Amino acid sequence: MQEPVYGEQDVLRGLQQYEKQAKMHVRKLIFYPYYLFEYELGIRSLLKLKGKTACTIDALSGYGALIDVQPEFSPRQIEAGQAPAIQINEDEAREAAGQFIFENAMSKAKFVTVPDIQLLTSTLFYRPFWLVEYRLGAYEPKSLIVDAISGSYHPL
């Protein structure tokens, strides 16, 4: 799993900077499951290219995303109720990752041949997110999810 970079108080202070009138409280810390796949690419275009690439596959939806920084992991037990149940098994995620990497490689460059893609590693990991509830005046309470690694947030 990944350890949170931003703690509960960091999140509250950061959000209060944007909306000073809102009342906010952190409901809980959750750990969202992802698969990480690292590949080696061999590509023949005008030049022979070789390199590595990696992607994550969301273990709930199966959606893929390229990553540019290798996540740092630490061994830690996740308490019951802190992580949603995995919906995509590792075999399904591996297939989705291979297709995602292939399509991404094909869309980015012109090749003489089909790229050679070799899986190097795969890992299931959990990324931390804070669930935050906020209320502004007499409006209904709203929820945000805050990435505890990057600090980015999104309404739920």
N, C-alpha and C. Protein backbone atom coordinates (compact mmCIF):
# COMPACT_ATOMS: atom_id res chain seq x y z
N MET A 1 0.83 -1.18 0.00
CA MET A 1 0.00 0.00 0.00
C MET A 1 0.87 1.24 0.00
N GLN A 2 0.29 2.36 -0.31
CA GLN A 2 0.98 3.63 -0.26
C GLN A 2 0.61 4.32 1.06
N GLU A 3 1.60 4.93 1.68
CA GLU A 3 1.36 5.68 2.92
C GLU A 3 0.85 7.07 2.58
N PRO A 4 -0.10 7.59 3.36
CA PRO A 4 -0.58 8.95 3.12
C PRO A 4 0.54 9.98 3.28
N VAL A 5 0.59 10.94 2.38
CA VAL A 5 1.51 12.07 2.48
C VAL A 5 0.81 13.19 3.24
N TYR A 6 -0.48 13.37 2.96
CA TYR A 6 -1.27 14.41 3.60
C TYR A 6 -2.14 13.78 4.68
N GLY A 7 -1.98 14.28 5.91
CA GLY A 7 -2.78 13.81 7.03
C GLY A 7 -4.10 14.53 7.12
N GLU A 8 -4.90 14.12 8.08
CA GLU A 8 -6.24 14.68 8.24
C GLU A 8 -6.19 16.20 8.42
N GLN A 9 -5.31 16.70 9.27
CA GLN A 9 -5.23 18.15 9.51
C GLN A 9 -4.72 18.90 8.28
N ASP A 10 -3.78 18.28 7.54
CA ASP A 10 -3.29 18.91 6.29
C ASP A 10 -4.45 19.11 5.32
N VAL A 11 -5.29 18.10 5.21
CA VAL A 11 -6.43 18.15 4.28
C VAL A 11 -7.40 19.25 4.70
N LEU A 12 -7.73 19.30 5.98
CA LEU A 12 -8.67 20.32 6.46
C LEU A 12 -8.11 21.73 6.26
N ARG A 13 -6.83 21.94 6.60
CA ARG A 13 -6.20 23.26 6.40
C ARG A 13 -6.20 23.65 4.92
N GLY A 14 -5.85 22.71 4.05
CA GLY A 14 -5.81 22.99 2.62
C GLY A 14 -7.16 23.35 2.06
N LEU A 15 -8.19 22.61 2.44
CA LEU A 15 -9.53 22.89 1.93
C LEU A 15 -10.08 24.20 2.48
N GLN A 16 -9.77 24.52 3.74
CA GLN A 16 -10.26 25.76 4.34
C GLN A 16 -9.69 26.97 3.64
N GLN A 17 -8.53 26.84 3.02
CA GLN A 17 -7.96 27.96 2.26
C GLN A 17 -8.84 28.33 1.07
N TYR A 18 -9.51 27.32 0.49
CA TYR A 18 -10.35 27.57 -0.69
C TYR A 18 -11.73 28.07 -0.31
N GLU A 19 -12.25 27.57 0.80
CA GLU A 19 -13.61 27.91 1.19
C GLU A 19 -13.65 28.16 2.70
N LYS A 20 -13.35 29.41 3.09
CA LYS A 20 -13.22 29.75 4.50
C LYS A 20 -14.55 29.66 5.27
N GLN A 21 -15.66 29.82 4.59
CA GLN A 21 -16.97 29.82 5.26
C GLN A 21 -17.54 28.41 5.47
N ALA A 22 -16.97 27.43 4.81
CA ALA A 22 -17.51 26.07 4.89
C ALA A 22 -17.12 25.39 6.19
N LYS A 23 -18.02 24.56 6.68
CA LYS A 23 -17.73 23.70 7.82
C LYS A 23 -17.35 22.34 7.25
N MET A 24 -16.17 21.84 7.61
CA MET A 24 -15.68 20.60 7.04
C MET A 24 -15.25 19.64 8.14
N HIS A 25 -15.44 18.38 7.85
CA HIS A 25 -14.85 17.36 8.71
C HIS A 25 -14.51 16.12 7.88
N VAL A 26 -13.44 15.48 8.28
CA VAL A 26 -12.98 14.26 7.61
C VAL A 26 -13.78 13.10 8.17
N ARG A 27 -14.43 12.37 7.29
CA ARG A 27 -15.21 11.21 7.73
C ARG A 27 -14.31 10.01 7.99
N LYS A 28 -13.43 9.70 7.00
CA LYS A 28 -12.53 8.57 7.22
C LYS A 28 -11.49 8.48 6.11
N LEU A 29 -10.50 7.67 6.36
CA LEU A 29 -9.45 7.36 5.39
C LEU A 29 -9.80 6.03 4.75
N ILE A 30 -9.81 5.99 3.42
CA ILE A 30 -10.05 4.72 2.72
C ILE A 30 -8.83 4.40 1.86
N PHE A 31 -8.71 3.15 1.49
CA PHE A 31 -7.63 2.69 0.63
C PHE A 31 -8.25 2.06 -0.62
N TYR A 32 -7.97 2.68 -1.76
CA TYR A 32 -8.58 2.28 -3.03
C TYR A 32 -7.64 1.32 -3.75
N PRO A 33 -8.17 0.18 -4.24
CA PRO A 33 -7.30 -0.83 -4.85
C PRO A 33 -6.99 -0.58 -6.34
N TYR A 34 -5.73 -0.73 -6.68
CA TYR A 34 -5.24 -0.64 -8.05
C TYR A 34 -4.26 -1.77 -8.31
N TYR A 35 -4.16 -2.15 -9.56
CA TYR A 35 -3.08 -3.03 -10.00
C TYR A 35 -2.05 -2.18 -10.72
N LEU A 36 -0.79 -2.47 -10.51
CA LEU A 36 0.30 -1.81 -11.21
C LEU A 36 0.97 -2.84 -12.11
N PHE A 37 1.14 -2.48 -13.38
CA PHE A 37 1.80 -3.35 -14.36
C PHE A 37 2.93 -2.57 -15.01
N GLU A 38 4.12 -3.18 -15.01
CA GLU A 38 5.27 -2.56 -15.66
C GLU A 38 5.65 -3.43 -16.86
N TYR A 39 5.91 -2.76 -17.98
CA TYR A 39 6.21 -3.45 -19.24
C TYR A 39 7.52 -2.96 -19.83
N GLU A 40 8.12 -3.83 -20.63
CA GLU A 40 9.23 -3.42 -21.47
C GLU A 40 8.71 -3.40 -22.90
N LEU A 41 9.01 -2.31 -23.60
CA LEU A 41 8.57 -2.15 -24.98
C LEU A 41 9.77 -2.26 -25.91
N GLY A 42 9.62 -3.04 -26.95
CA GLY A 42 10.59 -3.08 -28.04
C GLY A 42 9.88 -2.60 -29.29
N ILE A 43 10.37 -1.53 -29.88
CA ILE A 43 9.67 -0.89 -31.00
C ILE A 43 10.63 -0.71 -32.17
N ARG A 44 10.17 -1.12 -33.34
CA ARG A 44 10.94 -0.83 -34.56
C ARG A 44 10.22 0.24 -35.34
N SER A 45 10.83 1.39 -35.37
CA SER A 45 10.35 2.46 -36.24
C SER A 45 11.54 2.79 -37.12
N LEU A 46 11.80 4.02 -37.41
CA LEU A 46 13.00 4.35 -38.16
C LEU A 46 14.25 4.01 -37.35
N LEU A 47 14.10 4.08 -36.05
CA LEU A 47 15.17 3.67 -35.13
C LEU A 47 14.64 2.52 -34.29
N LYS A 48 15.52 1.66 -33.82
CA LYS A 48 15.09 0.60 -32.92
C LYS A 48 15.06 1.17 -31.51
N LEU A 49 13.89 1.14 -30.89
CA LEU A 49 13.72 1.72 -29.57
C LEU A 49 13.39 0.65 -28.55
N LYS A 50 13.87 0.85 -27.34
CA LYS A 50 13.55 -0.05 -26.24
C LYS A 50 13.32 0.81 -25.01
N GLY A 51 12.36 0.48 -24.21
CA GLY A 51 12.10 1.26 -23.02
C GLY A 51 11.09 0.59 -22.12
N LYS A 52 10.82 1.24 -21.00
CA LYS A 52 9.84 0.72 -20.05
C LYS A 52 8.68 1.69 -19.95
N THR A 53 7.53 1.14 -19.63
CA THR A 53 6.34 1.93 -19.36
C THR A 53 5.53 1.20 -18.31
N ALA A 54 4.64 1.92 -17.65
CA ALA A 54 3.82 1.30 -16.61
C ALA A 54 2.44 1.92 -16.62
N CYS A 55 1.49 1.14 -16.13
CA CYS A 55 0.13 1.64 -16.00
C CYS A 55 -0.51 1.05 -14.75
N THR A 56 -1.57 1.72 -14.33
CA THR A 56 -2.40 1.17 -13.26
C THR A 56 -3.75 0.79 -13.86
N ILE A 57 -4.35 -0.21 -13.26
CA ILE A 57 -5.71 -0.61 -13.60
C ILE A 57 -6.54 -0.50 -12.33
N ASP A 58 -7.61 0.27 -12.40
CA ASP A 58 -8.52 0.43 -11.28
C ASP A 58 -9.15 -0.93 -10.99
N ALA A 59 -9.02 -1.42 -9.76
CA ALA A 59 -9.50 -2.76 -9.40
C ALA A 59 -11.01 -2.81 -9.19
N LEU A 60 -11.69 -1.68 -9.34
CA LEU A 60 -13.15 -1.67 -9.27
C LEU A 60 -13.77 -1.54 -10.65
N SER A 61 -13.23 -0.64 -11.47
CA SER A 61 -13.83 -0.36 -12.78
C SER A 61 -13.09 -1.00 -13.94
N GLY A 62 -11.80 -1.30 -13.76
CA GLY A 62 -11.00 -1.84 -14.85
C GLY A 62 -10.39 -0.78 -15.76
N TYR A 63 -10.57 0.51 -15.45
CA TYR A 63 -10.00 1.58 -16.27
C TYR A 63 -8.50 1.68 -16.05
N GLY A 64 -7.79 2.01 -17.12
CA GLY A 64 -6.34 2.13 -17.05
C GLY A 64 -5.87 3.56 -17.08
N ALA A 65 -4.65 3.76 -16.56
CA ALA A 65 -3.99 5.07 -16.60
C ALA A 65 -2.49 4.85 -16.65
N LEU A 66 -1.82 5.63 -17.52
CA LEU A 66 -0.36 5.59 -17.55
C LEU A 66 0.17 6.27 -16.30
N ILE A 67 1.31 5.81 -15.82
CA ILE A 67 1.95 6.48 -14.69
C ILE A 67 3.35 6.89 -15.11
N ASP A 68 3.80 7.98 -14.54
CA ASP A 68 5.14 8.44 -14.88
C ASP A 68 6.11 8.33 -13.70
N VAL A 69 5.59 8.03 -12.52
CA VAL A 69 6.42 7.85 -11.34
C VAL A 69 6.07 6.52 -10.69
N GLN A 70 7.08 5.73 -10.41
CA GLN A 70 6.87 4.45 -9.73
C GLN A 70 6.40 4.72 -8.30
N PRO A 71 5.23 4.21 -7.91
CA PRO A 71 4.75 4.43 -6.54
C PRO A 71 5.68 3.75 -5.52
N GLU A 72 5.76 4.36 -4.34
CA GLU A 72 6.48 3.73 -3.24
C GLU A 72 5.47 3.00 -2.37
N PHE A 73 5.80 1.77 -2.01
CA PHE A 73 4.88 0.96 -1.22
C PHE A 73 5.48 0.65 0.14
N SER A 74 4.59 0.43 1.10
CA SER A 74 5.02 -0.04 2.41
C SER A 74 4.08 -1.16 2.84
N PRO A 75 4.63 -2.17 3.50
CA PRO A 75 3.76 -3.25 3.97
C PRO A 75 2.96 -2.78 5.19
N ARG A 76 1.67 -2.93 5.13
CA ARG A 76 0.80 -2.51 6.22
C ARG A 76 -0.54 -3.20 6.05
N GLN A 77 -1.11 -3.62 7.12
CA GLN A 77 -2.43 -4.24 7.08
C GLN A 77 -3.49 -3.14 6.98
N ILE A 78 -4.46 -3.38 6.14
CA ILE A 78 -5.59 -2.47 6.01
C ILE A 78 -6.73 -3.05 6.85
N GLU A 79 -7.31 -2.22 7.69
CA GLU A 79 -8.38 -2.68 8.57
C GLU A 79 -9.65 -2.95 7.77
N ALA A 80 -10.47 -3.84 8.30
CA ALA A 80 -11.75 -4.15 7.65
C ALA A 80 -12.56 -2.88 7.49
N GLY A 81 -13.16 -2.72 6.31
CA GLY A 81 -13.98 -1.55 6.03
C GLY A 81 -13.21 -0.35 5.51
N GLN A 82 -11.88 -0.44 5.43
CA GLN A 82 -11.09 0.69 4.93
C GLN A 82 -10.88 0.62 3.42
N ALA A 83 -11.22 -0.49 2.80
CA ALA A 83 -11.02 -0.64 1.36
C ALA A 83 -12.26 -1.27 0.73
N PRO A 84 -12.68 -0.77 -0.43
CA PRO A 84 -13.80 -1.42 -1.13
C PRO A 84 -13.37 -2.78 -1.66
N ALA A 85 -14.32 -3.66 -1.85
CA ALA A 85 -14.04 -5.00 -2.36
C ALA A 85 -13.58 -4.92 -3.81
N ILE A 86 -12.57 -5.68 -4.14
CA ILE A 86 -12.02 -5.74 -5.50
C ILE A 86 -13.05 -6.38 -6.42
N GLN A 87 -13.29 -5.74 -7.57
CA GLN A 87 -14.25 -6.24 -8.56
C GLN A 87 -13.58 -6.87 -9.78
N ILE A 88 -12.34 -6.51 -10.05
CA ILE A 88 -11.60 -6.99 -11.22
C ILE A 88 -10.48 -7.89 -10.71
N ASN A 89 -10.46 -9.16 -11.15
CA ASN A 89 -9.38 -10.03 -10.68
C ASN A 89 -8.08 -9.75 -11.43
N GLU A 90 -6.99 -10.33 -10.95
CA GLU A 90 -5.68 -10.02 -11.52
C GLU A 90 -5.57 -10.41 -12.99
N ASP A 91 -6.17 -11.53 -13.38
CA ASP A 91 -6.11 -11.94 -14.79
C ASP A 91 -6.84 -10.94 -15.69
N GLU A 92 -8.02 -10.49 -15.26
CA GLU A 92 -8.76 -9.48 -16.03
C GLU A 92 -7.97 -8.17 -16.11
N ALA A 93 -7.34 -7.80 -14.99
CA ALA A 93 -6.56 -6.56 -14.97
C ALA A 93 -5.34 -6.68 -15.87
N ARG A 94 -4.68 -7.84 -15.88
CA ARG A 94 -3.51 -8.05 -16.74
C ARG A 94 -3.89 -7.92 -18.22
N GLU A 95 -5.02 -8.50 -18.58
CA GLU A 95 -5.49 -8.40 -19.97
C GLU A 95 -5.81 -6.95 -20.32
N ALA A 96 -6.50 -6.24 -19.42
CA ALA A 96 -6.84 -4.84 -19.66
C ALA A 96 -5.57 -3.99 -19.76
N ALA A 97 -4.58 -4.26 -18.92
CA ALA A 97 -3.33 -3.50 -18.94
C ALA A 97 -2.58 -3.71 -20.25
N GLY A 98 -2.49 -4.96 -20.70
CA GLY A 98 -1.80 -5.24 -21.96
C GLY A 98 -2.45 -4.52 -23.12
N GLN A 99 -3.77 -4.54 -23.16
CA GLN A 99 -4.52 -3.85 -24.22
C GLN A 99 -4.33 -2.34 -24.12
N PHE A 100 -4.37 -1.83 -22.90
CA PHE A 100 -4.21 -0.39 -22.68
C PHE A 100 -2.83 0.08 -23.13
N ILE A 101 -1.79 -0.65 -22.76
CA ILE A 101 -0.41 -0.27 -23.13
C ILE A 101 -0.24 -0.36 -24.65
N PHE A 102 -0.76 -1.42 -25.25
CA PHE A 102 -0.66 -1.59 -26.70
C PHE A 102 -1.34 -0.43 -27.43
N GLU A 103 -2.58 -0.13 -27.06
CA GLU A 103 -3.32 0.95 -27.72
C GLU A 103 -2.63 2.29 -27.51
N ASN A 104 -2.10 2.52 -26.31
CA ASN A 104 -1.41 3.77 -26.05
C ASN A 104 -0.15 3.89 -26.89
N ALA A 105 0.62 2.80 -26.99
CA ALA A 105 1.84 2.82 -27.80
C ALA A 105 1.51 3.05 -29.27
N MET A 106 0.48 2.40 -29.77
CA MET A 106 0.10 2.54 -31.18
C MET A 106 -0.40 3.94 -31.50
N SER A 107 -1.00 4.60 -30.53
CA SER A 107 -1.54 5.95 -30.79
C SER A 107 -0.47 7.04 -30.72
N LYS A 108 0.68 6.74 -30.13
CA LYS A 108 1.69 7.77 -29.90
C LYS A 108 2.77 7.84 -30.98
N ALA A 109 3.00 6.77 -31.72
CA ALA A 109 4.12 6.77 -32.67
C ALA A 109 3.78 5.93 -33.90
N LYS A 110 4.58 6.11 -34.91
CA LYS A 110 4.44 5.33 -36.15
C LYS A 110 5.48 4.22 -36.12
N PHE A 111 5.04 2.99 -36.32
CA PHE A 111 5.92 1.85 -36.23
C PHE A 111 6.02 1.14 -37.57
N VAL A 112 7.18 0.50 -37.78
CA VAL A 112 7.35 -0.36 -38.94
C VAL A 112 6.69 -1.70 -38.66
N THR A 113 6.79 -2.15 -37.41
CA THR A 113 6.17 -3.41 -37.00
C THR A 113 5.36 -3.18 -35.74
N VAL A 114 4.63 -4.20 -35.35
CA VAL A 114 3.86 -4.15 -34.11
C VAL A 114 4.84 -4.14 -32.93
N PRO A 115 4.63 -3.28 -31.93
CA PRO A 115 5.57 -3.24 -30.81
C PRO A 115 5.58 -4.57 -30.04
N ASP A 116 6.76 -4.94 -29.55
CA ASP A 116 6.90 -6.12 -28.69
C ASP A 116 6.73 -5.65 -27.26
N ILE A 117 5.73 -6.18 -26.58
CA ILE A 117 5.41 -5.75 -25.22
C ILE A 117 5.55 -6.95 -24.29
N GLN A 118 6.44 -6.80 -23.29
CA GLN A 118 6.69 -7.88 -22.33
C GLN A 118 6.38 -7.39 -20.92
N LEU A 119 5.53 -8.14 -20.22
CA LEU A 119 5.20 -7.81 -18.84
C LEU A 119 6.41 -8.10 -17.94
N LEU A 120 6.81 -7.12 -17.15
CA LEU A 120 7.93 -7.30 -16.22
C LEU A 120 7.46 -7.59 -14.80
N THR A 121 6.54 -6.77 -14.29
CA THR A 121 6.05 -6.96 -12.92
C THR A 121 4.58 -6.58 -12.83
N SER A 122 3.93 -7.14 -11.83
CA SER A 122 2.55 -6.75 -11.52
C SER A 122 2.38 -6.79 -10.01
N THR A 123 1.60 -5.82 -9.51
CA THR A 123 1.40 -5.68 -8.07
C THR A 123 0.01 -5.13 -7.80
N LEU A 124 -0.66 -5.67 -6.80
CA LEU A 124 -1.89 -5.07 -6.29
C LEU A 124 -1.47 -4.12 -5.18
N PHE A 125 -1.97 -2.88 -5.23
CA PHE A 125 -1.65 -1.94 -4.16
C PHE A 125 -2.87 -1.10 -3.83
N TYR A 126 -2.79 -0.40 -2.73
CA TYR A 126 -3.89 0.43 -2.27
C TYR A 126 -3.41 1.87 -2.10
N ARG A 127 -4.17 2.80 -2.67
CA ARG A 127 -3.83 4.23 -2.59
C ARG A 127 -4.78 4.88 -1.58
N PRO A 128 -4.24 5.71 -0.67
CA PRO A 128 -5.09 6.32 0.36
C PRO A 128 -5.85 7.56 -0.13
N PHE A 129 -7.08 7.68 0.31
CA PHE A 129 -7.93 8.83 0.03
C PHE A 129 -8.69 9.20 1.30
N TRP A 130 -8.85 10.50 1.52
CA TRP A 130 -9.67 10.99 2.62
C TRP A 130 -11.07 11.29 2.10
N LEU A 131 -12.08 10.85 2.84
CA LEU A 131 -13.47 11.23 2.54
C LEU A 131 -13.81 12.39 3.45
N VAL A 132 -14.21 13.50 2.84
CA VAL A 132 -14.47 14.75 3.57
C VAL A 132 -15.90 15.19 3.30
N GLU A 133 -16.58 15.63 4.35
CA GLU A 133 -17.91 16.21 4.20
C GLU A 133 -17.81 17.69 4.50
N TYR A 134 -18.49 18.49 3.68
CA TYR A 134 -18.50 19.94 3.94
C TYR A 134 -19.90 20.49 3.76
N ARG A 135 -20.14 21.59 4.46
CA ARG A 135 -21.43 22.28 4.39
C ARG A 135 -21.14 23.77 4.29
N LEU A 136 -21.81 24.40 3.38
CA LEU A 136 -21.68 25.84 3.19
C LEU A 136 -23.03 26.48 3.49
N GLY A 137 -23.10 27.19 4.59
CA GLY A 137 -24.34 27.86 4.97
C GLY A 137 -25.48 26.88 5.16
N ALA A 138 -26.65 27.22 4.57
CA ALA A 138 -27.85 26.40 4.72
C ALA A 138 -27.96 25.31 3.65
N TYR A 139 -26.95 25.20 2.78
CA TYR A 139 -27.00 24.19 1.71
C TYR A 139 -26.81 22.78 2.28
N GLU A 140 -27.26 21.81 1.51
CA GLU A 140 -27.09 20.40 1.89
C GLU A 140 -25.60 20.06 1.97
N PRO A 141 -25.24 19.15 2.86
CA PRO A 141 -23.83 18.74 2.93
C PRO A 141 -23.38 18.07 1.63
N LYS A 142 -22.14 18.29 1.28
CA LYS A 142 -21.53 17.69 0.08
C LYS A 142 -20.34 16.85 0.52
N SER A 143 -19.93 15.95 -0.37
CA SER A 143 -18.77 15.10 -0.06
C SER A 143 -17.68 15.31 -1.09
N LEU A 144 -16.44 15.22 -0.62
CA LEU A 144 -15.25 15.29 -1.45
C LEU A 144 -14.40 14.07 -1.18
N ILE A 145 -13.63 13.69 -2.17
CA ILE A 145 -12.60 12.69 -1.96
C ILE A 145 -11.27 13.38 -2.23
N VAL A 146 -10.33 13.24 -1.28
CA VAL A 146 -9.04 13.91 -1.38
C VAL A 146 -7.95 12.85 -1.45
N ASP A 147 -7.15 12.91 -2.51
CA ASP A 147 -6.03 11.99 -2.68
C ASP A 147 -4.98 12.30 -1.61
N ALA A 148 -4.70 11.35 -0.75
CA ALA A 148 -3.77 11.56 0.36
C ALA A 148 -2.31 11.53 -0.07
N ILE A 149 -2.04 11.27 -1.36
CA ILE A 149 -0.69 11.31 -1.91
C ILE A 149 -0.44 12.63 -2.62
N SER A 150 -1.35 13.00 -3.53
CA SER A 150 -1.15 14.21 -4.35
C SER A 150 -1.82 15.46 -3.77
N GLY A 151 -2.83 15.27 -2.93
CA GLY A 151 -3.59 16.39 -2.40
C GLY A 151 -4.71 16.87 -3.31
N SER A 152 -4.85 16.27 -4.49
CA SER A 152 -5.93 16.68 -5.39
C SER A 152 -7.28 16.20 -4.83
N TYR A 153 -8.34 16.91 -5.16
CA TYR A 153 -9.65 16.53 -4.63
C TYR A 153 -10.70 16.61 -5.72
N HIS A 154 -11.77 15.86 -5.50
CA HIS A 154 -12.88 15.79 -6.45
C HIS A 154 -14.18 15.63 -5.68
N PRO A 155 -15.25 16.28 -6.14
CA PRO A 155 -16.55 16.07 -5.49
C PRO A 155 -17.05 14.66 -5.77
N LEU A 156 -17.81 14.14 -4.83
CA LEU A 156 -18.44 12.81 -5.03
C LEU A 156 -19.88 12.98 -5.45
